[in-house]
Amino acid sequence: MIIERKKNEVIFRLTGDIDVDDLQDMADLFEFKEISRKSKASQKDVDKLVKNVKKGRWKKTRDELGL
């Protein structure tokens, strides 16, 4: 693996036999880090959002299963 830093970018050079799924996981991680770096959300905001999403998901699942 070779890592090069250019003016406004970093270039990773990898062998052609790397697993594409692993490469996608790395790209997703870098994208997450880039997006979250700009975020002004606190951990409390994130926890609240996760709680609301989970609550909505459980309600939807319960309704679909007729529970």
C-alpha atoms as a PDB file:
ATOM      1  CA  MET A   1       0.000   0.000   0.000  1.00  0.00           C
ATOM      2  CA  ILE A   2       1.218   3.477  -0.879  1.00  0.00           C
ATOM      3  CA  ILE A   3      -0.285   6.638   0.588  1.00  0.00           C
ATOM      4  CA  GLU A   4       0.364   9.942  -1.178  1.00  0.00           C
ATOM      5  CA  ARG A   5      -0.628  13.419  -0.051  1.00  0.00           C
ATOM      6  CA  LYS A   6      -1.349  15.885  -2.837  1.00  0.00           C
ATOM      7  CA  LYS A   7      -2.469  19.510  -2.474  1.00  0.00           C
ATOM      8  CA  ASN A   8      -6.042  18.921  -1.263  1.00  0.00           C
ATOM      9  CA  GLU A   9      -6.325  15.147  -1.344  1.00  0.00           C
ATOM     10  CA  VAL A  10      -4.826  11.894  -0.105  1.00  0.00           C
ATOM     11  CA  ILE A  11      -4.367   8.999  -2.544  1.00  0.00           C
ATOM     12  CA  PHE A  12      -4.261   5.360  -1.430  1.00  0.00           C
ATOM     13  CA  ARG A  13      -2.733   2.892  -3.883  1.00  0.00           C
ATOM     14  CA  LEU A  14      -3.614  -0.735  -3.205  1.00  0.00           C
ATOM     15  CA  THR A  15      -2.974  -3.992  -4.996  1.00  0.00           C
ATOM     16  CA  GLY A  16      -5.689  -5.085  -7.407  1.00  0.00           C
ATOM     17  CA  ASP A  17      -6.568  -8.202  -5.449  1.00  0.00           C
ATOM     18  CA  ILE A  18      -8.080  -6.363  -2.473  1.00  0.00           C
ATOM     19  CA  ASP A  19     -11.608  -7.453  -1.497  1.00  0.00           C
ATOM     20  CA  VAL A  20     -14.055  -4.875  -2.871  1.00  0.00           C
ATOM     21  CA  ASP A  21     -16.358  -5.267   0.139  1.00  0.00           C
ATOM     22  CA  ASP A  22     -13.481  -4.392   2.489  1.00  0.00           C
ATOM     23  CA  LEU A  23     -12.644  -1.413   0.312  1.00  0.00           C
ATOM     24  CA  GLN A  24     -16.275  -0.245   0.438  1.00  0.00           C
ATOM     25  CA  ASP A  25     -16.240  -0.550   4.241  1.00  0.00           C
ATOM     26  CA  MET A  26     -13.141   1.658   4.365  1.00  0.00           C
ATOM     27  CA  ALA A  27     -14.707   4.194   1.993  1.00  0.00           C
ATOM     28  CA  ASP A  28     -17.855   4.277   4.150  1.00  0.00           C
ATOM     29  CA  LEU A  29     -15.744   4.892   7.261  1.00  0.00           C
ATOM     30  CA  PHE A  30     -13.858   7.759   5.594  1.00  0.00           C
ATOM     31  CA  GLU A  31     -17.117   9.278   4.377  1.00  0.00           C
ATOM     32  CA  PHE A  32     -18.604   9.032   7.887  1.00  0.00           C
ATOM     33  CA  LYS A  33     -15.528  10.695   9.397  1.00  0.00           C
ATOM     34  CA  GLU A  34     -15.623  13.479   6.823  1.00  0.00           C
ATOM     35  CA  ILE A  35     -19.333  14.160   7.396  1.00  0.00           C
ATOM     36  CA  SER A  36     -19.215  13.889  11.194  1.00  0.00           C
ATOM     37  CA  ARG A  37     -16.187  16.180  11.397  1.00  0.00           C
ATOM     38  CA  LYS A  38     -18.425  19.042  10.254  1.00  0.00           C
ATOM     39  CA  SER A  39     -21.279  18.131  12.616  1.00  0.00           C
ATOM     40  CA  LYS A  40     -22.198  20.310  15.562  1.00  0.00           C
ATOM     41  CA  ALA A  41     -24.365  17.596  17.149  1.00  0.00           C
ATOM     42  CA  SER A  42     -23.588  16.620  20.727  1.00  0.00           C
ATOM     43  CA  GLN A  43     -23.578  13.056  22.020  1.00  0.00           C
ATOM     44  CA  LYS A  44     -26.847  13.887  23.793  1.00  0.00           C
ATOM     45  CA  ASP A  45     -28.394  14.882  20.421  1.00  0.00           C
ATOM     46  CA  VAL A  46     -27.221  11.621  18.862  1.00  0.00           C
ATOM     47  CA  ASP A  47     -28.551   9.537  21.753  1.00  0.00           C
ATOM     48  CA  LYS A  48     -31.947  11.235  21.479  1.00  0.00           C
ATOM     49  CA  LEU A  49     -32.098  10.621  17.735  1.00  0.00           C
ATOM     50  CA  VAL A  50     -31.169   6.941  18.148  1.00  0.00           C
ATOM     51  CA  LYS A  51     -33.858   6.521  20.808  1.00  0.00           C
ATOM     52  CA  ASN A  52     -36.504   8.023  18.514  1.00  0.00           C
ATOM     53  CA  VAL A  53     -35.421   5.891  15.553  1.00  0.00           C
ATOM     54  CA  LYS A  54     -35.504   2.711  17.624  1.00  0.00           C
ATOM     55  CA  LYS A  55     -38.928   3.591  19.014  1.00  0.00           C
ATOM     56  CA  GLY A  56     -40.287   4.199  15.504  1.00  0.00           C
ATOM     57  CA  ARG A  57     -38.733   0.987  14.202  1.00  0.00           C
ATOM     58  CA  TRP A  58     -40.264  -1.103  17.006  1.00  0.00           C
ATOM     59  CA  LYS A  59     -43.703   0.449  16.438  1.00  0.00           C
ATOM     60  CA  LYS A  60     -43.482  -0.299  12.709  1.00  0.00           C
ATOM     61  CA  THR A  61     -42.360  -3.883  13.326  1.00  0.00           C
ATOM     62  CA  ARG A  62     -45.093  -4.410  15.934  1.00  0.00           C
ATOM     63  CA  ASP A  63     -47.736  -3.070  13.546  1.00  0.00           C
ATOM     64  CA  GLU A  64     -46.484  -5.259  10.686  1.00  0.00           C
ATOM     65  CA  LEU A  65     -46.605  -8.346  12.893  1.00  0.00           C
ATOM     66  CA  GLY A  66     -49.981  -7.412  14.330  1.00  0.00           C
ATOM     67  CA  LEU A  67     -48.761  -7.490  17.918  1.00  0.00           C
END
